[in-house]
N, C-alpha and C. Protein backbone atom coordinates (compact mmCIF):
# COMPACT_ATOMS: atom_id res chain seq x y z
N UNK A 1 10.06 -1.03 23.72
CA UNK A 1 9.26 -1.94 22.90
C UNK A 1 8.79 -1.20 21.64
N UNK A 2 8.99 -1.81 20.49
CA UNK A 2 8.61 -1.20 19.22
C UNK A 2 7.10 -1.30 19.01
N UNK A 3 6.52 -0.22 18.54
CA UNK A 3 5.09 -0.22 18.23
C UNK A 3 4.87 -0.64 16.78
N UNK A 4 3.82 -1.39 16.55
CA UNK A 4 3.45 -1.83 15.20
C UNK A 4 1.97 -1.56 15.00
N UNK A 5 1.63 -0.99 13.84
CA UNK A 5 0.21 -0.82 13.50
C UNK A 5 -0.27 -2.13 12.91
N UNK A 6 -1.20 -2.76 13.60
CA UNK A 6 -1.68 -4.10 13.27
C UNK A 6 -3.04 -3.97 12.61
N UNK A 7 -3.09 -4.09 11.29
CA UNK A 7 -4.32 -3.88 10.52
C UNK A 7 -4.98 -5.23 10.25
N UNK A 8 -6.13 -5.43 10.87
CA UNK A 8 -6.84 -6.71 10.73
C UNK A 8 -8.33 -6.43 10.59
N UNK A 9 -8.85 -6.51 9.37
CA UNK A 9 -10.28 -6.28 9.14
C UNK A 9 -11.11 -7.30 9.89
N UNK A 10 -10.64 -8.55 9.91
CA UNK A 10 -11.33 -9.61 10.63
C UNK A 10 -10.68 -9.73 12.02
N UNK A 11 -11.41 -9.25 13.02
CA UNK A 11 -10.88 -9.20 14.38
C UNK A 11 -12.06 -9.22 15.35
N UNK A 12 -11.89 -9.84 16.54
CA UNK A 12 -13.00 -9.88 17.51
C UNK A 12 -13.58 -8.49 17.79
N UNK A 13 -14.92 -8.45 17.99
CA UNK A 13 -15.82 -9.57 18.27
C UNK A 13 -16.35 -10.31 17.06
N UNK A 14 -15.80 -10.05 15.88
CA UNK A 14 -16.17 -10.90 14.76
C UNK A 14 -15.68 -12.32 15.04
N UNK A 15 -16.52 -13.30 14.76
CA UNK A 15 -16.15 -14.69 14.96
C UNK A 15 -15.75 -15.34 13.66
N UNK A 16 -15.62 -16.66 13.70
CA UNK A 16 -15.23 -17.40 12.51
C UNK A 16 -13.74 -17.69 12.48
N UNK A 17 -13.31 -18.51 11.51
CA UNK A 17 -11.92 -18.97 11.47
C UNK A 17 -10.91 -17.87 11.15
N UNK A 18 -11.34 -16.81 10.47
CA UNK A 18 -10.39 -15.80 10.00
C UNK A 18 -9.81 -14.92 11.07
N UNK A 19 -10.39 -14.92 12.28
CA UNK A 19 -9.95 -13.96 13.30
C UNK A 19 -8.87 -14.52 14.22
N UNK A 20 -8.75 -15.82 14.32
CA UNK A 20 -7.93 -16.41 15.38
C UNK A 20 -6.43 -16.20 15.16
N UNK A 21 -5.99 -16.18 13.93
CA UNK A 21 -4.57 -15.94 13.66
C UNK A 21 -4.17 -14.55 14.14
N UNK A 22 -4.95 -13.54 13.76
CA UNK A 22 -4.66 -12.18 14.19
C UNK A 22 -4.80 -12.02 15.70
N UNK A 23 -5.84 -12.61 16.27
CA UNK A 23 -6.05 -12.52 17.71
C UNK A 23 -4.85 -13.04 18.48
N UNK A 24 -4.32 -14.17 18.07
CA UNK A 24 -3.20 -14.77 18.80
C UNK A 24 -1.89 -14.05 18.51
N UNK A 25 -1.73 -13.47 17.33
CA UNK A 25 -0.57 -12.62 17.09
C UNK A 25 -0.58 -11.46 18.08
N UNK A 26 -1.73 -10.83 18.22
CA UNK A 26 -1.84 -9.67 19.12
C UNK A 26 -1.55 -10.08 20.56
N UNK A 27 -2.01 -11.25 20.96
CA UNK A 27 -1.80 -11.72 22.33
C UNK A 27 -0.32 -11.92 22.66
N UNK A 28 0.47 -12.35 21.68
CA UNK A 28 1.83 -12.78 21.98
C UNK A 28 2.92 -11.90 21.38
N UNK A 29 2.59 -10.89 20.60
CA UNK A 29 3.62 -10.06 19.99
C UNK A 29 4.50 -9.37 21.02
N UNK A 30 3.94 -9.00 22.14
CA UNK A 30 4.73 -8.32 23.16
C UNK A 30 5.86 -9.20 23.70
N UNK A 31 5.67 -10.52 23.65
CA UNK A 31 6.73 -11.42 24.08
C UNK A 31 7.95 -11.34 23.17
N UNK A 32 7.75 -10.76 21.99
CA UNK A 32 8.84 -10.65 21.02
C UNK A 32 9.25 -9.20 20.76
N UNK A 33 8.83 -8.31 21.66
CA UNK A 33 9.31 -6.94 21.61
C UNK A 33 8.50 -5.98 20.78
N UNK A 34 7.25 -6.37 20.43
CA UNK A 34 6.41 -5.49 19.61
C UNK A 34 5.10 -5.21 20.34
N UNK A 35 4.74 -3.94 20.40
CA UNK A 35 3.50 -3.51 21.05
C UNK A 35 2.49 -3.15 19.96
N UNK A 36 1.46 -3.98 19.74
CA UNK A 36 0.52 -3.73 18.63
C UNK A 36 -0.54 -2.70 18.96
N UNK A 37 -0.82 -1.83 17.99
CA UNK A 37 -2.01 -0.98 18.00
C UNK A 37 -2.89 -1.49 16.88
N UNK A 38 -4.06 -2.01 17.24
CA UNK A 38 -4.91 -2.70 16.27
C UNK A 38 -5.85 -1.71 15.58
N UNK A 39 -5.93 -1.82 14.26
CA UNK A 39 -6.89 -1.06 13.46
C UNK A 39 -7.84 -2.04 12.82
N UNK A 40 -9.14 -1.92 13.14
CA UNK A 40 -10.12 -2.89 12.66
C UNK A 40 -11.47 -2.22 12.49
N UNK A 41 -12.52 -3.03 12.43
CA UNK A 41 -13.88 -2.55 12.12
C UNK A 41 -14.70 -2.47 13.41
N UNK A 42 -15.63 -1.51 13.44
CA UNK A 42 -16.43 -1.35 14.65
C UNK A 42 -17.48 -2.47 14.79
N UNK A 43 -17.93 -2.64 16.01
CA UNK A 43 -18.82 -3.74 16.34
C UNK A 43 -20.17 -3.61 15.66
N UNK A 44 -20.65 -2.39 15.51
CA UNK A 44 -21.96 -2.17 14.88
C UNK A 44 -21.96 -2.68 13.45
N UNK A 45 -20.89 -2.40 12.70
CA UNK A 45 -20.83 -2.82 11.31
C UNK A 45 -20.59 -4.31 11.16
N UNK A 46 -19.92 -4.93 12.14
CA UNK A 46 -19.79 -6.39 12.11
C UNK A 46 -21.17 -7.04 12.15
N UNK A 47 -22.03 -6.54 13.04
CA UNK A 47 -23.39 -7.06 13.14
C UNK A 47 -24.20 -6.72 11.90
N UNK A 48 -24.10 -5.47 11.44
CA UNK A 48 -24.90 -5.00 10.31
C UNK A 48 -24.58 -5.78 9.04
N UNK A 49 -23.31 -6.18 8.91
CA UNK A 49 -22.89 -6.89 7.71
C UNK A 49 -23.23 -8.36 7.73
N UNK A 50 -23.76 -8.83 8.85
CA UNK A 50 -24.21 -10.21 8.93
C UNK A 50 -23.11 -11.22 9.21
N UNK A 51 -21.96 -10.76 9.72
CA UNK A 51 -20.88 -11.69 10.04
C UNK A 51 -21.15 -12.37 11.38
N UNK A 52 -20.47 -13.48 11.61
CA UNK A 52 -20.55 -14.15 12.90
C UNK A 52 -20.07 -13.19 13.98
N UNK A 53 -20.82 -13.10 15.06
CA UNK A 53 -20.47 -12.19 16.15
C UNK A 53 -20.24 -13.01 17.42
N UNK A 54 -19.05 -12.90 17.99
CA UNK A 54 -18.70 -13.68 19.17
C UNK A 54 -17.95 -12.79 20.16
N UNK A 55 -18.69 -12.15 21.05
CA UNK A 55 -18.05 -11.21 21.97
C UNK A 55 -17.23 -11.91 23.06
N UNK A 56 -17.32 -13.24 23.17
CA UNK A 56 -16.47 -13.94 24.13
C UNK A 56 -15.00 -13.85 23.73
N UNK A 57 -14.74 -13.65 22.44
CA UNK A 57 -13.35 -13.55 21.98
C UNK A 57 -12.68 -12.28 22.49
N UNK A 58 -13.48 -11.27 22.84
CA UNK A 58 -12.91 -10.02 23.34
C UNK A 58 -12.15 -10.25 24.64
N UNK A 59 -12.54 -11.25 25.40
CA UNK A 59 -11.90 -11.54 26.68
C UNK A 59 -10.46 -12.02 26.48
N UNK A 60 -10.14 -12.48 25.28
CA UNK A 60 -8.78 -12.99 25.02
C UNK A 60 -7.81 -11.87 24.66
N UNK A 61 -8.33 -10.69 24.37
CA UNK A 61 -7.46 -9.56 24.02
C UNK A 61 -6.95 -8.93 25.31
N UNK A 62 -5.64 -8.77 25.48
CA UNK A 62 -5.13 -8.10 26.68
C UNK A 62 -5.80 -6.74 26.86
N UNK A 63 -6.21 -6.45 28.10
CA UNK A 63 -7.02 -5.26 28.37
C UNK A 63 -6.33 -3.95 28.03
N UNK A 64 -5.00 -3.95 28.00
CA UNK A 64 -4.28 -2.70 27.72
C UNK A 64 -3.84 -2.56 26.27
N UNK A 65 -4.33 -3.45 25.40
CA UNK A 65 -4.06 -3.32 23.97
C UNK A 65 -4.96 -2.23 23.39
N UNK A 66 -4.40 -1.30 22.64
CA UNK A 66 -5.18 -0.25 22.00
C UNK A 66 -5.83 -0.80 20.73
N UNK A 67 -7.16 -0.70 20.64
CA UNK A 67 -7.90 -1.17 19.47
C UNK A 67 -8.70 0.02 18.92
N UNK A 68 -8.39 0.42 17.71
CA UNK A 68 -9.08 1.52 17.03
C UNK A 68 -10.05 0.92 16.02
N UNK A 69 -11.32 1.34 16.10
CA UNK A 69 -12.36 0.76 15.23
C UNK A 69 -12.95 1.83 14.32
N UNK A 70 -13.14 1.46 13.07
CA UNK A 70 -13.69 2.37 12.07
C UNK A 70 -14.92 1.73 11.42
N UNK A 71 -15.71 2.50 10.68
CA UNK A 71 -16.78 1.89 9.87
C UNK A 71 -16.19 0.93 8.84
N UNK A 72 -16.99 -0.01 8.40
CA UNK A 72 -16.51 -0.99 7.41
C UNK A 72 -16.62 -0.47 5.98
N UNK A 73 -17.54 0.47 5.77
CA UNK A 73 -17.79 1.05 4.44
C UNK A 73 -18.23 0.00 3.42
N UNK A 74 -18.80 -1.09 3.90
CA UNK A 74 -19.33 -2.08 2.97
C UNK A 74 -20.67 -1.59 2.42
N UNK A 75 -20.88 -1.68 1.11
CA UNK A 75 -22.13 -1.19 0.51
C UNK A 75 -23.27 -2.21 0.66
N UNK A 76 -23.61 -2.51 1.90
CA UNK A 76 -24.57 -3.59 2.17
C UNK A 76 -25.94 -3.29 1.56
N UNK A 77 -26.42 -2.06 1.76
CA UNK A 77 -27.75 -1.73 1.22
C UNK A 77 -27.77 -1.82 -0.29
N UNK A 78 -26.73 -1.33 -0.94
CA UNK A 78 -26.67 -1.39 -2.40
C UNK A 78 -26.63 -2.83 -2.89
N UNK A 79 -25.81 -3.65 -2.25
CA UNK A 79 -25.72 -5.05 -2.65
C UNK A 79 -27.05 -5.76 -2.45
N UNK A 80 -27.67 -5.52 -1.30
CA UNK A 80 -28.97 -6.17 -1.02
C UNK A 80 -30.03 -5.73 -2.03
N UNK A 81 -30.00 -4.44 -2.40
CA UNK A 81 -30.96 -3.94 -3.39
C UNK A 81 -30.73 -4.60 -4.75
N UNK A 82 -29.47 -4.66 -5.17
CA UNK A 82 -29.15 -5.26 -6.47
C UNK A 82 -29.51 -6.74 -6.50
N UNK A 83 -29.29 -7.42 -5.40
CA UNK A 83 -29.64 -8.84 -5.34
C UNK A 83 -31.16 -9.03 -5.32
N UNK A 84 -31.85 -8.13 -4.62
CA UNK A 84 -33.31 -8.20 -4.59
C UNK A 84 -33.90 -7.99 -5.98
N UNK A 85 -33.28 -7.09 -6.75
CA UNK A 85 -33.74 -6.82 -8.12
C UNK A 85 -33.21 -7.84 -9.11
N UNK A 86 -32.37 -8.75 -8.61
CA UNK A 86 -31.79 -9.83 -9.42
C UNK A 86 -30.94 -9.29 -10.57
N UNK A 87 -30.20 -8.20 -10.28
CA UNK A 87 -29.31 -7.63 -11.30
C UNK A 87 -27.89 -7.47 -10.75
N UNK A 88 -27.60 -8.15 -9.64
CA UNK A 88 -26.29 -7.98 -9.00
C UNK A 88 -25.15 -8.37 -9.92
N UNK A 89 -25.34 -9.41 -10.73
CA UNK A 89 -24.24 -9.90 -11.56
C UNK A 89 -23.83 -8.90 -12.62
N UNK A 90 -24.68 -7.95 -12.96
CA UNK A 90 -24.31 -6.94 -13.98
C UNK A 90 -23.23 -6.00 -13.44
N UNK A 91 -23.45 -5.31 -12.30
CA UNK A 91 -22.36 -4.48 -11.77
C UNK A 91 -21.17 -5.30 -11.30
N UNK A 92 -21.42 -6.53 -10.86
CA UNK A 92 -20.32 -7.41 -10.45
C UNK A 92 -19.38 -7.64 -11.62
N UNK A 93 -19.92 -7.75 -12.83
CA UNK A 93 -19.11 -7.97 -14.02
C UNK A 93 -18.44 -6.68 -14.48
N UNK A 94 -19.22 -5.61 -14.62
CA UNK A 94 -18.69 -4.39 -15.22
C UNK A 94 -17.97 -3.47 -14.23
N UNK A 95 -18.24 -3.62 -12.95
CA UNK A 95 -17.57 -2.80 -11.92
C UNK A 95 -16.81 -3.70 -10.97
N UNK A 96 -16.16 -4.71 -11.52
CA UNK A 96 -15.56 -5.74 -10.67
C UNK A 96 -14.54 -5.21 -9.66
N UNK A 97 -13.69 -4.25 -10.00
CA UNK A 97 -12.76 -3.77 -8.96
C UNK A 97 -13.47 -3.24 -7.72
N UNK A 98 -14.68 -2.71 -7.88
CA UNK A 98 -15.43 -2.19 -6.74
C UNK A 98 -16.14 -3.31 -5.99
N UNK A 99 -16.58 -4.33 -6.70
CA UNK A 99 -17.39 -5.38 -6.09
C UNK A 99 -16.59 -6.67 -5.85
N UNK A 100 -15.26 -6.62 -6.03
CA UNK A 100 -14.49 -7.85 -5.86
C UNK A 100 -14.52 -8.34 -4.42
N UNK A 101 -14.56 -7.40 -3.49
CA UNK A 101 -14.74 -7.72 -2.07
C UNK A 101 -15.64 -6.67 -1.46
N UNK A 102 -16.46 -7.07 -0.54
CA UNK A 102 -17.32 -6.09 0.12
C UNK A 102 -16.52 -5.00 0.83
N UNK A 103 -15.36 -5.29 1.42
CA UNK A 103 -14.58 -4.23 2.10
C UNK A 103 -13.67 -3.44 1.16
N UNK A 104 -13.91 -3.46 -0.16
CA UNK A 104 -12.97 -2.87 -1.11
C UNK A 104 -12.71 -1.38 -0.86
N UNK A 105 -13.68 -0.66 -0.28
CA UNK A 105 -13.48 0.78 -0.04
C UNK A 105 -12.76 1.06 1.27
N UNK A 106 -12.71 0.07 2.16
CA UNK A 106 -12.17 0.29 3.50
C UNK A 106 -10.74 0.83 3.52
N UNK A 107 -9.81 0.30 2.70
CA UNK A 107 -8.44 0.83 2.74
C UNK A 107 -8.35 2.32 2.43
N UNK A 108 -9.13 2.78 1.48
CA UNK A 108 -9.06 4.19 1.08
C UNK A 108 -9.76 5.09 2.09
N UNK A 109 -10.87 4.62 2.66
CA UNK A 109 -11.59 5.39 3.66
C UNK A 109 -10.85 5.44 5.00
N UNK A 110 -10.03 4.44 5.25
CA UNK A 110 -9.36 4.31 6.55
C UNK A 110 -7.93 4.82 6.52
N UNK A 111 -7.44 5.18 5.35
CA UNK A 111 -6.03 5.57 5.23
C UNK A 111 -5.67 6.71 6.19
N UNK A 112 -6.51 7.73 6.26
CA UNK A 112 -6.18 8.89 7.10
C UNK A 112 -6.05 8.50 8.57
N UNK A 113 -6.96 7.64 9.03
CA UNK A 113 -6.89 7.18 10.43
C UNK A 113 -5.57 6.43 10.67
N UNK A 114 -5.22 5.54 9.74
CA UNK A 114 -3.98 4.77 9.87
C UNK A 114 -2.76 5.69 9.87
N UNK A 115 -2.74 6.66 8.97
CA UNK A 115 -1.61 7.58 8.87
C UNK A 115 -1.45 8.40 10.14
N UNK A 116 -2.56 8.84 10.72
CA UNK A 116 -2.50 9.61 11.97
C UNK A 116 -1.98 8.77 13.12
N UNK A 117 -2.38 7.51 13.18
CA UNK A 117 -1.88 6.62 14.22
C UNK A 117 -0.38 6.41 14.09
N UNK A 118 0.09 6.27 12.87
CA UNK A 118 1.52 6.07 12.63
C UNK A 118 2.32 7.30 13.06
N UNK A 119 1.83 8.47 12.70
CA UNK A 119 2.54 9.71 13.04
C UNK A 119 2.50 9.97 14.54
N UNK A 120 1.33 9.82 15.13
CA UNK A 120 1.16 10.11 16.55
C UNK A 120 1.98 9.19 17.43
N UNK A 121 2.11 7.92 17.06
CA UNK A 121 2.77 6.93 17.91
C UNK A 121 4.18 6.58 17.43
N UNK A 122 4.68 7.33 16.43
CA UNK A 122 6.02 7.11 15.90
C UNK A 122 6.24 5.65 15.51
N UNK A 123 5.28 5.12 14.75
CA UNK A 123 5.32 3.72 14.32
C UNK A 123 6.20 3.58 13.09
N UNK A 124 7.03 2.53 13.09
CA UNK A 124 7.95 2.30 11.98
C UNK A 124 7.58 1.10 11.13
N UNK A 125 6.60 0.32 11.56
CA UNK A 125 6.25 -0.89 10.83
C UNK A 125 4.74 -1.11 10.88
N UNK A 126 4.19 -1.55 9.77
CA UNK A 126 2.76 -1.84 9.68
C UNK A 126 2.58 -3.28 9.23
N UNK A 127 1.60 -3.94 9.84
CA UNK A 127 1.27 -5.33 9.52
C UNK A 127 -0.15 -5.36 8.98
N UNK A 128 -0.36 -6.11 7.89
CA UNK A 128 -1.72 -6.29 7.37
C UNK A 128 -2.05 -7.78 7.32
N UNK A 129 -3.29 -8.10 7.67
CA UNK A 129 -3.77 -9.47 7.62
C UNK A 129 -4.80 -9.59 6.50
N UNK A 130 -4.62 -10.61 5.66
CA UNK A 130 -5.55 -10.81 4.54
C UNK A 130 -5.95 -12.29 4.46
N UNK A 131 -7.22 -12.59 4.20
CA UNK A 131 -8.16 -11.67 3.61
C UNK A 131 -8.80 -10.75 4.66
N UNK A 132 -9.50 -9.67 4.19
CA UNK A 132 -9.71 -9.30 2.79
C UNK A 132 -8.41 -8.88 2.12
N UNK A 133 -8.31 -9.16 0.83
CA UNK A 133 -7.09 -8.84 0.11
C UNK A 133 -6.97 -7.35 -0.17
N UNK A 134 -8.07 -6.64 -0.10
CA UNK A 134 -8.02 -5.19 -0.26
C UNK A 134 -7.23 -4.53 0.86
N UNK A 135 -7.07 -5.21 2.02
CA UNK A 135 -6.25 -4.66 3.10
C UNK A 135 -4.80 -4.49 2.67
N UNK A 136 -4.38 -5.29 1.68
CA UNK A 136 -3.03 -5.15 1.15
C UNK A 136 -2.81 -3.76 0.56
N UNK A 137 -3.86 -3.19 -0.01
CA UNK A 137 -3.73 -1.87 -0.62
C UNK A 137 -3.46 -0.81 0.43
N UNK A 138 -4.02 -0.97 1.63
CA UNK A 138 -3.76 -0.02 2.71
C UNK A 138 -2.31 -0.11 3.15
N UNK A 139 -1.78 -1.32 3.28
CA UNK A 139 -0.38 -1.48 3.63
C UNK A 139 0.53 -0.89 2.58
N UNK A 140 0.19 -1.10 1.32
CA UNK A 140 1.00 -0.58 0.22
C UNK A 140 1.01 0.95 0.22
N UNK A 141 -0.15 1.57 0.44
CA UNK A 141 -0.22 3.03 0.46
C UNK A 141 0.58 3.61 1.62
N UNK A 142 0.48 3.00 2.78
CA UNK A 142 1.21 3.50 3.95
C UNK A 142 2.71 3.36 3.75
N UNK A 143 3.12 2.25 3.17
CA UNK A 143 4.54 2.04 2.90
C UNK A 143 5.08 3.09 1.93
N UNK A 144 4.34 3.33 0.85
CA UNK A 144 4.80 4.24 -0.19
C UNK A 144 4.80 5.69 0.28
N UNK A 145 3.74 6.10 0.95
CA UNK A 145 3.59 7.52 1.30
C UNK A 145 4.31 7.92 2.57
N UNK A 146 4.46 6.98 3.51
CA UNK A 146 5.06 7.31 4.79
C UNK A 146 6.45 6.70 4.98
N UNK A 147 6.86 5.85 4.05
CA UNK A 147 8.20 5.29 4.11
C UNK A 147 8.43 4.31 5.25
N UNK A 148 7.39 3.62 5.69
CA UNK A 148 7.53 2.66 6.78
C UNK A 148 7.68 1.24 6.23
N UNK A 149 8.10 0.33 7.09
CA UNK A 149 8.21 -1.08 6.71
C UNK A 149 6.82 -1.71 6.72
N UNK A 150 6.61 -2.65 5.79
CA UNK A 150 5.30 -3.29 5.68
C UNK A 150 5.46 -4.81 5.68
N UNK A 151 4.76 -5.46 6.60
CA UNK A 151 4.69 -6.91 6.66
C UNK A 151 3.27 -7.32 6.27
N UNK A 152 3.15 -8.16 5.24
CA UNK A 152 1.84 -8.62 4.78
C UNK A 152 1.68 -10.09 5.11
N UNK A 153 0.61 -10.43 5.81
CA UNK A 153 0.33 -11.81 6.21
C UNK A 153 -0.86 -12.32 5.42
N UNK A 154 -0.67 -13.43 4.71
CA UNK A 154 -1.74 -14.03 3.91
C UNK A 154 -2.19 -15.33 4.55
N UNK A 155 -3.46 -15.39 4.91
CA UNK A 155 -4.00 -16.63 5.44
C UNK A 155 -4.31 -17.63 4.33
N UNK A 156 -4.53 -17.14 3.14
CA UNK A 156 -4.79 -17.98 1.96
C UNK A 156 -4.27 -17.23 0.73
N UNK A 157 -3.88 -17.97 -0.31
CA UNK A 157 -3.48 -17.28 -1.55
C UNK A 157 -4.67 -16.59 -2.20
N UNK A 158 -4.37 -15.62 -3.05
CA UNK A 158 -5.42 -14.80 -3.68
C UNK A 158 -5.96 -15.47 -4.94
N UNK A 159 -5.32 -15.27 -6.08
CA UNK A 159 -5.88 -15.80 -7.33
C UNK A 159 -5.77 -17.32 -7.42
N UNK A 160 -4.94 -17.92 -6.60
CA UNK A 160 -4.84 -19.38 -6.57
C UNK A 160 -5.77 -19.99 -5.53
N UNK A 161 -6.52 -19.15 -4.81
CA UNK A 161 -7.42 -19.64 -3.78
C UNK A 161 -8.65 -20.30 -4.36
N UNK A 162 -9.18 -21.27 -3.65
CA UNK A 162 -10.34 -22.02 -4.14
C UNK A 162 -11.66 -21.33 -3.84
N UNK A 163 -11.65 -20.31 -2.99
CA UNK A 163 -12.89 -19.69 -2.56
C UNK A 163 -13.36 -18.52 -3.40
N UNK A 164 -12.66 -18.25 -4.49
CA UNK A 164 -12.99 -17.07 -5.30
C UNK A 164 -13.81 -17.44 -6.52
N UNK A 165 -14.70 -16.53 -6.89
CA UNK A 165 -15.41 -16.63 -8.15
C UNK A 165 -15.07 -15.40 -8.97
N UNK A 166 -14.75 -15.61 -10.24
CA UNK A 166 -14.36 -14.52 -11.12
C UNK A 166 -15.41 -14.37 -12.22
N UNK A 167 -15.79 -13.14 -12.56
CA UNK A 167 -16.80 -12.94 -13.60
C UNK A 167 -16.40 -13.52 -14.94
N UNK A 168 -15.08 -13.52 -15.23
CA UNK A 168 -14.61 -14.02 -16.52
C UNK A 168 -13.12 -14.33 -16.40
N UNK A 169 -12.58 -14.98 -17.42
CA UNK A 169 -11.14 -15.26 -17.47
C UNK A 169 -10.34 -13.97 -17.51
N UNK A 170 -10.89 -12.95 -18.16
CA UNK A 170 -10.22 -11.66 -18.24
C UNK A 170 -10.07 -11.04 -16.84
N UNK A 171 -11.12 -11.13 -16.04
CA UNK A 171 -11.05 -10.61 -14.68
C UNK A 171 -10.01 -11.37 -13.85
N UNK A 172 -9.95 -12.68 -14.06
CA UNK A 172 -8.96 -13.48 -13.35
C UNK A 172 -7.54 -13.05 -13.73
N UNK A 173 -7.31 -12.82 -15.01
CA UNK A 173 -5.99 -12.38 -15.46
C UNK A 173 -5.66 -11.00 -14.89
N UNK A 174 -6.66 -10.15 -14.82
CA UNK A 174 -6.45 -8.84 -14.19
C UNK A 174 -6.06 -9.02 -12.72
N UNK A 175 -6.74 -9.94 -12.03
CA UNK A 175 -6.42 -10.21 -10.63
C UNK A 175 -5.01 -10.74 -10.47
N UNK A 176 -4.56 -11.59 -11.41
CA UNK A 176 -3.20 -12.11 -11.35
C UNK A 176 -2.18 -10.97 -11.48
N UNK A 177 -2.48 -10.04 -12.36
CA UNK A 177 -1.58 -8.91 -12.57
C UNK A 177 -1.49 -8.04 -11.32
N UNK A 178 -2.65 -7.73 -10.73
CA UNK A 178 -2.68 -6.91 -9.51
C UNK A 178 -1.99 -7.64 -8.36
N UNK A 179 -2.27 -8.94 -8.23
CA UNK A 179 -1.66 -9.73 -7.16
C UNK A 179 -0.14 -9.67 -7.22
N UNK A 180 0.42 -9.88 -8.40
CA UNK A 180 1.88 -9.88 -8.54
C UNK A 180 2.46 -8.50 -8.25
N UNK A 181 1.79 -7.48 -8.74
CA UNK A 181 2.28 -6.11 -8.54
C UNK A 181 2.28 -5.73 -7.07
N UNK A 182 1.19 -6.07 -6.37
CA UNK A 182 1.06 -5.67 -4.96
C UNK A 182 1.97 -6.51 -4.06
N UNK A 183 2.03 -7.82 -4.29
CA UNK A 183 2.78 -8.70 -3.40
C UNK A 183 4.29 -8.61 -3.59
N UNK A 184 4.73 -7.87 -4.58
CA UNK A 184 6.16 -7.60 -4.73
C UNK A 184 6.62 -6.47 -3.80
N UNK A 185 5.67 -5.75 -3.21
CA UNK A 185 6.00 -4.56 -2.43
C UNK A 185 6.32 -4.80 -0.95
N UNK A 186 5.68 -5.75 -0.25
CA UNK A 186 5.95 -5.88 1.19
C UNK A 186 7.42 -6.13 1.48
N UNK A 187 7.89 -5.57 2.60
CA UNK A 187 9.26 -5.85 3.04
C UNK A 187 9.39 -7.30 3.49
N UNK A 188 8.28 -7.86 3.98
CA UNK A 188 8.23 -9.29 4.30
C UNK A 188 6.82 -9.81 4.06
N UNK A 189 6.74 -10.93 3.39
CA UNK A 189 5.46 -11.59 3.11
C UNK A 189 5.39 -12.86 3.95
N UNK A 190 4.33 -12.98 4.76
CA UNK A 190 4.13 -14.16 5.59
C UNK A 190 3.01 -15.00 4.99
N UNK A 191 3.26 -16.29 4.85
CA UNK A 191 2.21 -17.23 4.40
C UNK A 191 2.12 -18.34 5.44
N UNK A 192 1.02 -19.10 5.40
CA UNK A 192 0.79 -20.07 6.47
C UNK A 192 1.07 -21.51 6.09
N UNK A 193 1.55 -21.74 4.86
CA UNK A 193 1.92 -23.11 4.48
C UNK A 193 3.17 -23.08 3.60
N UNK A 194 4.01 -24.10 3.69
CA UNK A 194 5.16 -24.19 2.80
C UNK A 194 4.75 -24.26 1.33
N UNK A 195 3.57 -24.84 1.06
CA UNK A 195 3.10 -24.97 -0.32
C UNK A 195 2.84 -23.59 -0.94
N UNK A 196 2.25 -22.68 -0.14
CA UNK A 196 1.99 -21.33 -0.65
C UNK A 196 3.30 -20.60 -0.93
N UNK A 197 4.27 -20.76 -0.03
CA UNK A 197 5.58 -20.15 -0.26
C UNK A 197 6.19 -20.68 -1.56
N UNK A 198 6.15 -21.97 -1.75
CA UNK A 198 6.70 -22.57 -2.96
C UNK A 198 5.99 -22.05 -4.21
N UNK A 199 4.66 -21.90 -4.12
CA UNK A 199 3.87 -21.40 -5.23
C UNK A 199 4.29 -19.99 -5.62
N UNK A 200 4.45 -19.11 -4.61
CA UNK A 200 4.79 -17.72 -4.90
C UNK A 200 6.22 -17.57 -5.41
N UNK A 201 7.11 -18.45 -4.96
CA UNK A 201 8.47 -18.42 -5.48
C UNK A 201 8.50 -18.91 -6.93
N UNK A 202 7.70 -19.91 -7.24
CA UNK A 202 7.62 -20.42 -8.61
C UNK A 202 7.06 -19.37 -9.56
N UNK A 203 6.09 -18.62 -9.08
CA UNK A 203 5.47 -17.57 -9.90
C UNK A 203 6.30 -16.27 -9.90
N UNK A 204 7.39 -16.26 -9.15
CA UNK A 204 8.31 -15.12 -9.08
C UNK A 204 7.60 -13.86 -8.57
N UNK A 205 6.67 -14.07 -7.64
CA UNK A 205 5.98 -12.95 -7.02
C UNK A 205 6.90 -12.25 -6.02
N UNK A 206 7.76 -13.03 -5.37
CA UNK A 206 8.72 -12.47 -4.43
C UNK A 206 9.95 -13.34 -4.46
N UNK A 207 10.93 -13.04 -3.60
CA UNK A 207 12.13 -13.86 -3.55
C UNK A 207 12.29 -14.50 -2.17
N UNK A 208 13.25 -15.39 -2.07
CA UNK A 208 13.43 -16.19 -0.86
C UNK A 208 13.67 -15.34 0.38
N UNK A 209 14.29 -14.19 0.22
CA UNK A 209 14.64 -13.35 1.36
C UNK A 209 13.46 -12.53 1.88
N UNK A 210 12.35 -12.51 1.14
CA UNK A 210 11.23 -11.64 1.52
C UNK A 210 9.95 -12.43 1.75
N UNK A 211 10.07 -13.71 1.98
CA UNK A 211 8.88 -14.52 2.29
C UNK A 211 9.24 -15.54 3.36
N UNK A 212 8.31 -15.75 4.28
CA UNK A 212 8.52 -16.73 5.35
C UNK A 212 7.21 -17.42 5.66
N UNK A 213 7.31 -18.57 6.34
CA UNK A 213 6.13 -19.36 6.68
C UNK A 213 5.92 -19.34 8.19
N UNK A 214 4.71 -18.97 8.61
CA UNK A 214 4.27 -19.13 9.99
C UNK A 214 2.97 -19.92 9.93
N UNK A 215 3.03 -21.18 10.32
CA UNK A 215 1.86 -22.03 10.20
C UNK A 215 0.83 -21.68 11.26
N UNK A 216 -0.40 -22.09 11.05
CA UNK A 216 -1.45 -21.90 12.04
C UNK A 216 -1.27 -22.86 13.20
N UNK A 217 -1.66 -22.42 14.39
CA UNK A 217 -1.54 -23.28 15.56
C UNK A 217 -0.16 -23.18 16.18
N UNK A 218 -0.09 -23.53 17.45
CA UNK A 218 1.20 -23.51 18.16
C UNK A 218 1.10 -24.44 19.38
């Protein structure tokens, strides 16, 4: 059975809609010949960051699945301080690459752990689940530096998503540039709707041979 490093920032006991796709992938991947080693965030930081916490979801993870947990590295205290002082929008505008997502530092802080898991377990393929979209950077770094295959799964589009706020049109254009550059790299890009696949093909982000659709639910 082939081992795969399964990188999912949103994973039980974190609750909410974002975890169920990854949770069910992990439950059933072995039926298709892949043994996942999950890399995610520790339980303490899930609580500290104020996310939904649902430890009942842990019961759905097969007991013999290896789950490695790291700190989230979210700057919660800094963000709370800036918001309390009512000046958060200033660094959000001028330091946008740092503040675009709260987990923006996680890929860089977690790279060494991921690389050690790949080397130790002779892993040939890495999977990333997004959002957060910064997780894509971890997949990209591992692919480039270690020469492994990378599968990127998007639960929602990035710059075309409705849930994002951009400080300015310039920041949005910067995001479009980064999105296209990063999403051209995965060996396979998974999206959850035919419409998203059509959108990315129209924008020439990838080609027909490197994108597929796996819808939610089964």
